[in-house]
């Protein structure tokens, strides 16, 4: 689970919570909170973001 906070006055927060994949939690992840594919390609280790996107896509494709 990834959380980004914009608190004003140049105060930012980025929380990355690593846990077993839990489809019920991914509904809280907003697309604009995640980096673009362009940014992901520049990251040394993008697995947290890639796994989140894959889980989100999987949850959205279920009936």
C-alpha atoms as a PDB file:
ATOM      1  CA  UNK A   1       0.000   0.000   0.000  1.00  0.00           C
ATOM      2  CA  UNK A   2       1.403   3.376  -0.954  1.00  0.00           C
ATOM      3  CA  UNK A   3       0.322   6.697   0.540  1.00  0.00           C
ATOM      4  CA  UNK A   4       1.458  10.118  -0.566  1.00  0.00           C
ATOM      5  CA  UNK A   5       0.518  13.260   1.327  1.00  0.00           C
ATOM      6  CA  UNK A   6       0.743  16.855   0.187  1.00  0.00           C
ATOM      7  CA  UNK A   7       0.428  19.002   3.280  1.00  0.00           C
ATOM      8  CA  UNK A   8       1.281  22.493   2.003  1.00  0.00           C
ATOM      9  CA  UNK A   9       4.244  24.687   2.914  1.00  0.00           C
ATOM     10  CA  UNK A  10       6.473  22.315   0.926  1.00  0.00           C
ATOM     11  CA  UNK A  11       5.721  19.472   3.351  1.00  0.00           C
ATOM     12  CA  UNK A  12       5.382  16.108   1.634  1.00  0.00           C
ATOM     13  CA  UNK A  13       5.010  12.548   2.861  1.00  0.00           C
ATOM     14  CA  UNK A  14       5.461   9.183   1.200  1.00  0.00           C
ATOM     15  CA  UNK A  15       4.516   6.043   3.091  1.00  0.00           C
ATOM     16  CA  UNK A  16       5.059   2.639   1.556  1.00  0.00           C
ATOM     17  CA  UNK A  17       3.575  -0.225   3.534  1.00  0.00           C
ATOM     18  CA  UNK A  18       4.801  -3.627   2.414  1.00  0.00           C
ATOM     19  CA  UNK A  19       2.609  -6.623   3.122  1.00  0.00           C
ATOM     20  CA  UNK A  20       1.189  -9.674   1.441  1.00  0.00           C
ATOM     21  CA  UNK A  21      -1.018  -8.731  -1.524  1.00  0.00           C
ATOM     22  CA  UNK A  22      -4.504  -7.959  -0.247  1.00  0.00           C
ATOM     23  CA  UNK A  23      -7.070  -7.191  -2.968  1.00  0.00           C
ATOM     24  CA  UNK A  24      -9.495  -5.594  -0.497  1.00  0.00           C
ATOM     25  CA  UNK A  25      -6.940  -2.877   0.334  1.00  0.00           C
ATOM     26  CA  UNK A  26      -6.113  -1.908  -3.236  1.00  0.00           C
ATOM     27  CA  UNK A  27      -9.485  -0.184  -3.663  1.00  0.00           C
ATOM     28  CA  UNK A  28      -8.031   2.695  -1.627  1.00  0.00           C
ATOM     29  CA  UNK A  29      -5.123   3.266  -4.037  1.00  0.00           C
ATOM     30  CA  UNK A  30      -5.823   6.168  -6.389  1.00  0.00           C
ATOM     31  CA  UNK A  31      -4.242   6.172  -9.849  1.00  0.00           C
ATOM     32  CA  UNK A  32      -2.825   9.663  -9.437  1.00  0.00           C
ATOM     33  CA  UNK A  33      -0.947   8.544  -6.313  1.00  0.00           C
ATOM     34  CA  UNK A  34       1.172   6.157  -8.375  1.00  0.00           C
ATOM     35  CA  UNK A  35       4.076   7.112 -10.615  1.00  0.00           C
ATOM     36  CA  UNK A  36       3.642   7.055 -14.371  1.00  0.00           C
ATOM     37  CA  UNK A  37       5.135   4.244 -16.447  1.00  0.00           C
ATOM     38  CA  UNK A  38       7.816   6.716 -17.567  1.00  0.00           C
ATOM     39  CA  UNK A  39       8.866   7.316 -13.963  1.00  0.00           C
ATOM     40  CA  UNK A  40       8.627   3.615 -13.064  1.00  0.00           C
ATOM     41  CA  UNK A  41      11.097   2.811 -15.861  1.00  0.00           C
ATOM     42  CA  UNK A  42      13.667   5.110 -14.232  1.00  0.00           C
ATOM     43  CA  UNK A  43      13.468   3.515 -10.776  1.00  0.00           C
ATOM     44  CA  UNK A  44      16.169   1.114  -9.644  1.00  0.00           C
ATOM     45  CA  UNK A  45      13.628  -1.050  -7.821  1.00  0.00           C
ATOM     46  CA  UNK A  46      10.059  -0.400  -8.937  1.00  0.00           C
ATOM     47  CA  UNK A  47       8.575  -3.670  -7.686  1.00  0.00           C
ATOM     48  CA  UNK A  48       6.420  -2.050  -4.984  1.00  0.00           C
ATOM     49  CA  UNK A  49       4.730   0.127  -7.596  1.00  0.00           C
ATOM     50  CA  UNK A  50       4.557  -2.621 -10.235  1.00  0.00           C
ATOM     51  CA  UNK A  51       3.018  -5.079  -7.763  1.00  0.00           C
ATOM     52  CA  UNK A  52       0.477  -2.488  -6.646  1.00  0.00           C
ATOM     53  CA  UNK A  53      -0.511  -1.745 -10.249  1.00  0.00           C
ATOM     54  CA  UNK A  54      -0.812  -5.456 -11.071  1.00  0.00           C
ATOM     55  CA  UNK A  55      -2.982  -6.095  -8.003  1.00  0.00           C
ATOM     56  CA  UNK A  56      -5.127  -3.053  -8.790  1.00  0.00           C
ATOM     57  CA  UNK A  57      -5.607  -4.183 -12.410  1.00  0.00           C
ATOM     58  CA  UNK A  58      -6.422  -7.717 -11.286  1.00  0.00           C
ATOM     59  CA  UNK A  59      -9.028  -6.470  -8.805  1.00  0.00           C
ATOM     60  CA  UNK A  60     -10.648  -4.212 -11.421  1.00  0.00           C
ATOM     61  CA  UNK A  61     -10.927  -7.061 -13.950  1.00  0.00           C
ATOM     62  CA  UNK A  62     -12.804  -9.391 -11.605  1.00  0.00           C
ATOM     63  CA  UNK A  63     -16.586  -9.600 -12.047  1.00  0.00           C
END
